[in-house]
Amino acid sequence: MIERKRYLDKLIRKKENGLVKVITGVRRCGKSYLLFELYHSYLNSIGVDDEHIIELALDLDANSTYRDPFELGKYIRSKIVDKDKMYYVFLDEIQMVEEAVNPDAHSVEIKIGFVDVVLGLMKIKNVDLYITGSNSKMLSTDILTQFRGRGDEIRVNPLSFAEFYSAYKGDKHEAWKDYYTYGGMPLILNQATHADKSNYLRTLIQKIYLDDILAHNKINSDRSVLEDLMNTIASSVGSLTSPSNLAKTFLSVKNKKISEETISKYLDFFVDAFIVYKARRYDVKGRKYIGAPLKYYFSDIGLRNAWLNFRQTEETHIMENIIYNELLVREFDVDIGIVEHNYRGEDGKSKRKQLEVDFVANQADRRYYIQSALYVGTTEKRLQETNSLNRIDDSFKKIVVVKDDIIPWHDEKGVLYMGIEQFLLDESAMEL
């Protein structure tokens, strides 16, 4: 059993808050397990008996009757027999509920769907409602707006490295190698061979995620464009990109004329399906956001590697992607930092250069500037990696994360250096 403590604690905090708890995230990342196993066990531990926990996995054939919204509503209400006790209702894969016409309507046809069922159940005072959804009808931009401001989203991510290592049979160095190769989808830990892991991940991204995007957005003829776009962003993790640059790439390499608007829309489809995250650039000194180009990171690095048939498993960009994901898991707001450097060239003319900070991580009144570097073994390399950090004149902590397992140390300007494994396994290490 993998303890998803961060998400379990969120559910516990939000218990009986009057809102529907909407558990989202990329498919197969552990949402159902979190609800039906971990949270169910917690409720039992505080004295809630099974009769007051109503569970339905709507993707199971045995429960297909309840994909009718009227049958679902009747079933749940039939289970609520104690008026003075709270009932905890878990509806897994709620998007499986189909629209239906009220059979009791005499003149006007009234269609209802899962949103109507949820809103109706929320009116029952002794019901605390939890739902999960992840496929073509429950992607991120659809969720909270449909519940008219009465939804409380809990985003579940694939396993962090700490979660992965807690269930890994081997030392942390071997765990790291497997993690940066195959990622943190929970069932990866049950796959024995490279072929098993590769086939599992490829099936997820090619047959499930991509099909969901096509179905949800009613795309009938552009699958090849989506696949080519996925190839491009998977190959350029950690690199700045924009719809205009991608349009030029399609024209020059694929001889396909795809508009910037279409590319931008398709990129947002990937984001909405939780496959990739979009990171904006932030001018640290100017304190403002900058438009395109942006960076895209994969929610699970194993999915990215499998899409590329494990041809590009270089640690440089993979480390950067994993650090970005870890910061999101820790609930930071994360941007790509830009530091403008003005100087005079050899010709005496004034010049301006933009230096990049991999991540600016904000959380309430805390901020961290973080650089991902494979190594800083020479003075020249160290100065290169810290050039942008050393030109930031505020007092927030500056960190360089390297591949090697090193003893943390500070340089003469206060920059903290630490190894990737310590950074991922010990959240307090950022405060050293």
Protein backbone atom coordinates (compact mmCIF):
# COMPACT_ATOMS: atom_id res chain seq x y z
CA MET A 1 0.00 0.00 0.00
CA ILE A 2 1.37 3.41 -1.03
CA GLU A 3 0.41 6.09 1.45
CA ARG A 4 -0.76 9.12 -0.53
CA LYS A 5 -0.65 11.19 2.65
CA ARG A 6 -0.67 14.60 0.98
CA TYR A 7 -3.94 13.90 -0.83
CA LEU A 8 -5.50 11.97 2.03
CA ASP A 9 -4.85 14.91 4.34
CA LYS A 10 -6.59 17.22 1.84
CA LEU A 11 -9.66 15.01 1.80
CA ILE A 12 -9.69 14.94 5.60
CA ARG A 13 -9.44 18.75 5.79
CA LYS A 14 -12.27 19.16 3.28
CA LYS A 15 -14.54 16.60 4.95
CA GLU A 16 -18.12 17.87 5.35
CA ASN A 17 -17.28 21.35 4.01
CA GLY A 18 -20.56 21.67 2.12
CA LEU A 19 -18.93 21.32 -1.31
CA VAL A 20 -18.63 18.39 -3.69
CA LYS A 21 -15.06 17.13 -3.62
CA VAL A 22 -13.97 16.71 -7.27
CA ILE A 23 -10.90 14.47 -7.50
CA THR A 24 -9.09 15.04 -10.79
CA GLY A 25 -5.85 14.07 -12.47
CA VAL A 26 -4.46 12.14 -15.38
CA ARG A 27 -6.06 8.74 -15.77
CA ARG A 28 -4.54 5.84 -13.78
CA CYS A 29 -2.69 8.13 -11.36
CA GLY A 30 -4.49 6.68 -8.30
CA LYS A 31 -7.67 8.70 -7.79
CA SER A 32 -9.97 5.70 -7.22
CA TYR A 33 -7.44 4.07 -4.89
CA LEU A 34 -7.20 7.26 -2.87
CA LEU A 35 -10.96 7.43 -2.41
CA PHE A 36 -12.09 3.81 -2.17
CA GLU A 37 -9.14 2.45 -0.21
CA LEU A 38 -7.28 5.15 1.69
CA TYR A 39 -10.08 7.56 2.50
CA HIS A 40 -12.57 4.75 3.15
CA SER A 41 -10.13 3.24 5.67
CA TYR A 42 -9.70 6.61 7.34
CA LEU A 43 -13.46 7.03 7.76
CA ASN A 44 -13.68 3.54 9.29
CA SER A 45 -10.87 4.48 11.68
CA ILE A 46 -12.85 7.44 13.07
CA GLY A 47 -15.98 5.36 13.62
CA VAL A 48 -17.88 5.63 10.34
CA ASP A 49 -19.36 2.23 9.51
CA ASP A 50 -19.62 0.84 5.99
CA GLU A 51 -23.41 1.33 5.93
CA HIS A 52 -22.79 5.08 5.93
CA ILE A 53 -20.22 4.97 3.10
CA ILE A 54 -22.01 4.62 -0.25
CA GLU A 55 -19.66 3.68 -3.09
CA LEU A 56 -20.30 3.24 -6.79
CA ALA A 57 -17.67 2.58 -9.46
CA LEU A 58 -19.66 3.61 -12.51
CA ASP A 59 -17.17 2.16 -15.00
CA LEU A 60 -18.01 -1.40 -13.85
CA ASP A 61 -20.52 -3.41 -15.88
CA ALA A 62 -22.26 -4.49 -12.68
CA ASN A 63 -23.17 -0.86 -12.03
CA SER A 64 -24.22 0.04 -15.58
CA THR A 65 -27.85 0.51 -14.46
CA TYR A 66 -26.77 3.55 -12.46
CA ARG A 67 -25.36 5.32 -15.49
CA ASP A 68 -28.94 6.45 -15.93
CA PRO A 69 -29.11 9.65 -13.85
CA PHE A 70 -32.59 8.91 -12.54
CA GLU A 71 -31.61 5.41 -11.43
CA LEU A 72 -28.46 6.77 -9.82
CA GLY A 73 -30.37 9.38 -7.86
CA LYS A 74 -32.95 6.83 -6.70
CA TYR A 75 -30.27 4.36 -5.64
CA ILE A 76 -28.32 6.84 -3.55
CA ARG A 77 -31.45 8.17 -1.86
CA SER A 78 -32.63 4.62 -1.07
CA LYS A 79 -29.43 4.07 0.92
CA ILE A 80 -29.92 7.16 3.08
CA VAL A 81 -32.14 5.80 5.85
CA ASP A 82 -30.74 7.55 8.94
CA LYS A 83 -31.76 11.20 8.98
CA ASP A 84 -29.47 12.11 11.86
CA LYS A 85 -26.24 10.52 10.58
CA MET A 86 -23.87 11.67 7.86
CA TYR A 87 -23.49 9.60 4.69
CA TYR A 88 -20.32 9.72 2.62
CA VAL A 89 -21.08 9.17 -1.06
CA PHE A 90 -18.25 8.15 -3.43
CA LEU A 91 -19.04 8.19 -7.17
CA ASP A 92 -16.14 6.99 -9.28
CA GLU A 93 -15.96 7.91 -12.99
CA ILE A 94 -19.04 10.11 -12.72
CA GLN A 95 -18.77 11.03 -16.40
CA MET A 96 -20.08 7.54 -17.22
CA VAL A 97 -23.55 8.82 -16.29
CA GLU A 98 -25.37 9.59 -19.52
CA GLU A 99 -27.99 12.22 -20.23
CA ALA A 100 -31.55 10.94 -20.01
CA VAL A 101 -35.09 12.25 -20.36
CA ASN A 102 -37.28 12.29 -17.26
CA PRO A 103 -39.65 9.30 -17.74
CA ASP A 104 -42.30 11.05 -15.63
CA ALA A 105 -42.40 14.15 -17.82
CA HIS A 106 -45.81 14.50 -19.51
CA SER A 107 -45.40 17.33 -21.97
CA VAL A 108 -41.94 18.87 -21.89
CA GLU A 109 -38.87 16.72 -22.29
CA ILE A 110 -36.37 17.50 -19.55
CA LYS A 111 -32.88 16.02 -19.94
CA ILE A 112 -30.61 15.65 -16.98
CA GLY A 113 -27.04 14.39 -16.63
CA PHE A 114 -24.45 13.78 -13.93
CA VAL A 115 -24.16 17.48 -13.03
CA ASP A 116 -27.86 17.57 -12.18
CA VAL A 117 -27.55 14.41 -10.08
CA VAL A 118 -24.63 15.86 -8.13
CA LEU A 119 -26.37 19.18 -7.51
CA GLY A 120 -29.47 17.31 -6.36
CA LEU A 121 -27.54 15.12 -3.92
CA MET A 122 -25.80 18.16 -2.50
CA LYS A 123 -29.15 19.45 -1.27
CA ILE A 124 -29.43 16.51 1.11
CA LYS A 125 -28.13 17.84 4.43
CA ASN A 126 -26.58 14.60 5.67
CA VAL A 127 -24.65 13.80 2.47
CA ASP A 128 -20.95 14.50 1.99
CA LEU A 129 -20.23 13.95 -1.70
CA TYR A 130 -17.01 12.90 -3.45
CA ILE A 131 -16.65 12.25 -7.18
CA THR A 132 -13.82 11.31 -9.52
CA GLY A 133 -13.59 11.78 -13.24
CA SER A 134 -10.85 11.69 -15.79
CA ASN A 135 -11.88 10.87 -19.31
CA SER A 136 -13.37 12.68 -22.28
CA LYS A 137 -16.25 14.29 -20.38
CA MET A 138 -14.37 15.26 -17.23
CA LEU A 139 -11.29 17.16 -18.34
CA SER A 140 -9.95 20.03 -16.30
CA THR A 141 -11.67 23.07 -17.85
CA ASP A 142 -15.09 21.43 -17.54
CA ILE A 143 -15.13 20.58 -13.89
CA LEU A 144 -15.75 23.30 -11.32
CA THR A 145 -17.77 25.57 -13.60
CA GLN A 146 -20.34 22.82 -14.12
CA PHE A 147 -20.99 22.67 -10.40
CA ARG A 148 -21.77 26.41 -10.24
CA GLY A 149 -19.07 27.27 -7.76
CA ARG A 150 -19.96 24.42 -5.41
CA GLY A 151 -17.07 22.17 -6.35
CA ASP A 152 -13.79 21.78 -4.49
CA GLU A 153 -11.08 20.32 -6.73
CA ILE A 154 -8.37 18.02 -5.43
CA ARG A 155 -5.71 17.45 -8.09
CA VAL A 156 -3.95 14.09 -7.79
CA ASN A 157 -0.58 13.66 -9.48
CA PRO A 158 1.34 10.52 -10.40
CA LEU A 159 3.63 9.27 -7.64
CA SER A 160 6.29 11.68 -6.46
CA PHE A 161 9.78 10.21 -6.16
CA ALA A 162 9.32 9.95 -2.38
CA GLU A 163 6.08 7.98 -2.84
CA PHE A 164 7.67 5.84 -5.53
CA TYR A 165 10.71 5.07 -3.39
CA SER A 166 8.53 4.18 -0.38
CA ALA A 167 7.19 1.18 -2.34
CA TYR A 168 10.34 0.39 -4.36
CA LYS A 169 12.29 -2.78 -3.77
CA GLY A 170 15.86 -1.55 -4.03
CA ASP A 171 18.12 1.32 -3.00
CA LYS A 172 17.39 4.96 -3.78
CA HIS A 173 19.94 5.17 -6.61
CA GLU A 174 18.27 2.30 -8.47
CA ALA A 175 14.89 3.81 -7.66
CA TRP A 176 16.00 7.10 -9.21
CA LYS A 177 17.10 5.36 -12.42
CA ASP A 178 13.75 3.61 -12.72
CA TYR A 179 11.84 6.76 -11.83
CA TYR A 180 13.48 9.01 -14.41
CA THR A 181 13.01 6.29 -17.02
CA TYR A 182 9.49 4.97 -16.30
CA GLY A 183 7.95 7.73 -14.19
CA GLY A 184 5.47 7.47 -11.33
CA MET A 185 2.25 5.94 -12.60
CA PRO A 186 1.38 3.65 -9.66
CA LEU A 187 0.96 0.42 -11.63
CA ILE A 188 4.48 0.76 -13.03
CA LEU A 189 5.64 -0.73 -9.73
CA ASN A 190 3.78 -3.95 -10.63
CA GLN A 191 5.51 -4.34 -14.01
CA ALA A 192 8.57 -6.59 -13.93
CA THR A 193 10.41 -6.00 -17.22
CA HIS A 194 11.24 -3.10 -19.50
CA ALA A 195 8.87 -4.53 -22.11
CA ASP A 196 6.02 -4.71 -19.58
CA LYS A 197 6.59 -1.15 -18.41
CA SER A 198 7.01 0.19 -21.92
CA ASN A 199 3.85 -1.50 -23.21
CA TYR A 200 1.83 -0.27 -20.24
CA LEU A 201 2.91 3.35 -20.65
CA ARG A 202 2.51 3.34 -24.43
CA THR A 203 -1.01 1.94 -24.09
CA LEU A 204 -1.90 4.69 -21.63
CA ILE A 205 -0.74 7.60 -23.75
CA GLN A 206 -1.53 6.26 -27.22
CA LYS A 207 -4.74 4.31 -26.69
CA ILE A 208 -6.35 6.00 -23.69
CA TYR A 209 -5.21 9.60 -23.30
CA LEU A 210 -5.06 10.49 -26.98
CA ASP A 211 -8.39 8.79 -27.67
CA ASP A 212 -9.93 10.79 -24.81
CA ILE A 213 -8.72 14.04 -26.34
CA LEU A 214 -10.06 13.10 -29.77
CA ALA A 215 -13.44 12.11 -28.34
CA HIS A 216 -13.83 15.05 -25.97
CA ASN A 217 -12.94 17.64 -28.60
CA LYS A 218 -14.69 15.88 -31.49
CA ILE A 219 -11.53 15.68 -33.59
CA ASN A 220 -12.13 13.28 -36.47
CA SER A 221 -9.37 13.87 -38.99
CA ASP A 222 -6.35 15.39 -37.22
CA ARG A 223 -4.97 12.50 -35.19
CA SER A 224 -1.69 12.64 -37.09
CA VAL A 225 -1.34 16.34 -36.27
CA LEU A 226 -1.91 15.63 -32.57
CA GLU A 227 0.67 12.85 -32.68
CA ASP A 228 3.21 15.04 -34.45
CA LEU A 229 2.61 17.81 -31.93
CA MET A 230 3.09 15.36 -29.07
CA ASN A 231 6.35 14.22 -30.66
CA THR A 232 7.57 17.80 -30.85
CA ILE A 233 6.82 18.84 -27.28
CA ALA A 234 8.08 15.50 -25.92
CA SER A 235 11.39 16.05 -27.71
CA SER A 236 11.66 19.65 -26.50
CA VAL A 237 10.93 19.30 -22.78
CA GLY A 238 12.75 22.12 -21.02
CA SER A 239 12.97 24.23 -24.19
CA LEU A 240 11.05 27.38 -24.98
CA THR A 241 8.42 26.96 -27.63
CA SER A 242 5.47 28.81 -29.12
CA PRO A 243 2.63 28.10 -31.56
CA SER A 244 4.32 30.26 -34.21
CA ASN A 245 7.59 28.33 -33.94
CA LEU A 246 5.74 25.03 -34.00
CA ALA A 247 3.79 26.11 -37.09
CA LYS A 248 7.08 26.85 -38.85
CA THR A 249 8.45 23.45 -37.78
CA PHE A 250 5.40 21.65 -39.17
CA LEU A 251 5.79 23.50 -42.48
CA SER A 252 9.53 22.95 -42.86
CA VAL A 253 9.84 19.40 -41.50
CA LYS A 254 6.44 17.82 -42.13
CA ASN A 255 5.40 20.00 -45.07
CA LYS A 256 2.09 20.57 -43.24
CA LYS A 257 0.50 23.98 -43.01
CA ILE A 258 -1.09 24.16 -39.56
CA SER A 259 -2.29 27.50 -38.21
CA GLU A 260 -0.93 28.95 -34.98
CA GLU A 261 -4.51 29.02 -33.63
CA THR A 262 -4.95 25.29 -34.24
CA ILE A 263 -1.62 24.45 -32.64
CA SER A 264 -2.41 26.62 -29.61
CA LYS A 265 -5.80 24.93 -29.27
CA TYR A 266 -4.30 21.44 -29.49
CA LEU A 267 -1.65 22.29 -26.89
CA ASP A 268 -4.42 23.36 -24.54
CA PHE A 269 -6.13 20.01 -25.16
CA PHE A 270 -3.02 18.27 -23.78
CA VAL A 271 -3.05 20.58 -20.76
CA ASP A 272 -6.76 20.00 -20.15
CA ALA A 273 -6.19 16.24 -20.18
CA PHE A 274 -3.49 16.62 -17.49
CA ILE A 275 -0.87 15.12 -19.82
CA VAL A 276 1.29 18.23 -19.88
CA TYR A 277 1.66 21.39 -17.82
CA LYS A 278 2.23 24.86 -19.25
CA ALA A 279 4.81 27.10 -17.56
CA ARG A 280 4.86 30.86 -18.17
CA ARG A 281 7.86 33.17 -18.10
CA TYR A 282 8.21 35.77 -15.36
CA ASP A 283 10.48 38.82 -15.45
CA VAL A 284 12.04 38.74 -11.98
CA LYS A 285 13.32 42.32 -11.97
CA GLY A 286 10.40 43.81 -13.89
CA ARG A 287 7.91 41.81 -11.81
CA LYS A 288 5.68 40.98 -14.76
CA TYR A 289 4.74 38.04 -16.91
CA ILE A 290 6.04 37.72 -20.45
CA GLY A 291 4.07 36.18 -23.30
CA ALA A 292 5.21 33.44 -25.66
CA PRO A 293 7.39 31.43 -25.88
CA LEU A 294 6.45 29.09 -23.04
CA LYS A 295 7.66 25.76 -21.71
CA TYR A 296 5.71 22.51 -21.52
CA TYR A 297 6.44 19.73 -19.03
CA PHE A 298 4.91 16.26 -18.85
CA SER A 299 2.83 15.35 -15.79
CA ASP A 300 4.63 11.99 -15.81
CA ILE A 301 8.08 11.64 -17.34
CA GLY A 302 7.53 7.94 -18.05
CA LEU A 303 4.66 8.82 -20.40
CA ARG A 304 6.95 11.21 -22.23
CA ASN A 305 9.75 8.66 -22.50
CA ALA A 306 7.39 5.92 -23.69
CA TRP A 307 5.94 8.20 -26.36
CA LEU A 308 9.48 8.66 -27.70
CA ASN A 309 10.16 4.90 -27.44
CA PHE A 310 12.79 5.67 -24.77
CA ARG A 311 15.07 7.20 -27.40
CA GLN A 312 15.70 10.42 -25.47
CA THR A 313 16.24 9.61 -21.82
CA GLU A 314 18.94 12.20 -21.16
CA GLU A 315 18.89 13.29 -17.53
CA THR A 316 19.37 17.02 -18.15
CA HIS A 317 15.84 17.84 -19.31
CA ILE A 318 14.27 14.93 -17.44
CA MET A 319 15.64 16.26 -14.13
CA GLU A 320 14.19 19.67 -14.93
CA ASN A 321 10.77 18.14 -15.69
CA ILE A 322 10.78 16.11 -12.46
CA ILE A 323 11.77 19.12 -10.34
CA TYR A 324 8.93 21.12 -11.90
CA ASN A 325 6.44 18.35 -11.08
CA GLU A 326 7.75 18.08 -7.52
CA LEU A 327 7.23 21.79 -6.93
CA LEU A 328 3.64 21.48 -8.15
CA VAL A 329 3.06 18.52 -5.83
CA ARG A 330 4.33 20.69 -2.95
CA GLU A 331 1.70 23.27 -3.99
CA PHE A 332 4.01 25.98 -5.24
CA ASP A 333 3.04 28.35 -8.02
CA VAL A 334 5.85 27.79 -10.50
CA ASP A 335 7.11 30.04 -13.31
CA ILE A 336 10.13 30.21 -15.56
CA GLY A 337 12.29 33.11 -14.41
CA ILE A 338 13.85 35.72 -16.68
CA VAL A 339 16.56 38.12 -15.48
CA GLU A 340 17.52 40.94 -17.83
CA HIS A 341 21.24 41.75 -17.88
CA ASN A 342 22.36 45.08 -19.35
CA TYR A 343 26.00 45.46 -20.28
CA ARG A 344 28.38 47.07 -22.75
CA GLY A 345 29.84 44.98 -25.53
CA GLU A 346 33.39 45.08 -26.83
CA ASP A 347 32.27 47.72 -29.31
CA GLY A 348 31.21 49.96 -26.43
CA LYS A 349 27.54 49.76 -27.30
CA SER A 350 24.87 49.02 -24.70
CA LYS A 351 23.48 45.50 -24.96
CA ARG A 352 20.76 43.52 -23.22
CA LYS A 353 20.60 39.80 -22.57
CA GLN A 354 17.92 37.63 -20.99
CA LEU A 355 19.23 35.08 -18.51
CA GLU A 356 17.00 32.20 -17.43
CA VAL A 357 16.20 30.87 -13.97
CA ASP A 358 14.72 27.42 -14.40
CA PHE A 359 12.03 27.94 -11.75
CA VAL A 360 10.62 30.71 -9.61
CA ALA A 361 8.57 28.90 -6.96
CA ASN A 362 6.13 30.93 -4.87
CA GLN A 363 4.02 29.89 -1.90
CA ALA A 364 2.39 32.60 0.21
CA ASP A 365 5.26 34.81 1.41
CA ARG A 366 7.97 32.30 0.44
CA ARG A 367 9.93 32.31 -2.81
CA TYR A 368 12.73 30.10 -4.12
CA TYR A 369 14.86 30.49 -7.24
CA ILE A 370 15.84 27.01 -8.42
CA GLN A 371 18.28 25.93 -11.08
CA SER A 372 18.53 22.36 -12.39
CA ALA A 373 22.06 21.40 -13.42
CA LEU A 374 23.46 17.99 -14.27
CA TYR A 375 26.75 18.92 -12.63
CA VAL A 376 28.77 21.95 -11.48
CA GLY A 377 32.12 20.20 -11.29
CA THR A 378 34.20 23.10 -12.57
CA THR A 379 34.31 26.76 -11.60
CA GLU A 380 33.37 27.73 -15.15
CA LYS A 381 30.30 25.46 -15.12
CA ARG A 382 29.23 26.65 -11.66
CA LEU A 383 29.45 30.30 -12.68
CA GLN A 384 27.51 29.53 -15.84
CA GLU A 385 24.68 27.88 -13.90
CA THR A 386 24.50 30.65 -11.27
CA ASN A 387 24.89 33.64 -13.58
CA SER A 388 21.18 34.42 -13.51
CA LEU A 389 20.79 33.67 -9.79
CA ASN A 390 23.63 36.01 -8.84
CA ARG A 391 21.99 38.90 -10.69
CA ILE A 392 18.83 38.71 -8.56
CA ASP A 393 19.21 41.26 -5.76
CA ASP A 394 16.46 40.15 -3.37
CA SER A 395 16.94 37.99 -0.28
CA PHE A 396 14.96 34.90 -1.28
CA LYS A 397 16.75 31.55 -1.25
CA LYS A 398 18.62 30.43 -4.36
CA ILE A 399 19.15 26.70 -4.97
CA VAL A 400 21.05 24.64 -7.54
CA VAL A 401 19.97 20.99 -7.79
CA VAL A 402 22.55 18.63 -9.32
CA LYS A 403 22.47 15.00 -10.36
CA ASP A 404 25.16 13.76 -7.94
CA ASP A 405 24.39 12.69 -4.39
CA ILE A 406 26.35 15.42 -2.61
CA ILE A 407 26.55 16.88 0.87
CA PRO A 408 24.62 20.20 0.65
CA TRP A 409 26.83 23.28 0.65
CA HIS A 410 26.64 27.04 0.12
CA ASP A 411 28.95 29.07 -2.07
CA GLU A 412 30.38 32.48 -1.20
CA LYS A 413 27.21 34.22 -2.43
CA GLY A 414 24.86 32.05 -0.40
CA VAL A 415 23.62 29.80 -3.21
CA LEU A 416 22.68 26.35 -1.88
CA TYR A 417 23.78 23.22 -3.80
CA MET A 418 22.19 19.81 -3.23
CA GLY A 419 21.65 16.49 -5.00
CA ILE A 420 18.43 15.62 -6.81
CA GLU A 421 17.64 12.65 -4.57
CA GLN A 422 17.85 14.71 -1.39
CA PHE A 423 15.79 17.49 -2.96
CA LEU A 424 13.02 15.03 -3.84
CA LEU A 425 13.09 12.97 -0.65
CA ASP A 426 13.49 15.70 1.97
CA GLU A 427 11.21 18.73 1.63
CA SER A 428 12.99 20.46 4.54
CA ALA A 429 16.27 20.43 2.57
CA MET A 430 15.19 23.61 0.77
CA GLU A 431 15.59 25.42 4.09
CA LEU A 432 19.21 24.39 4.71
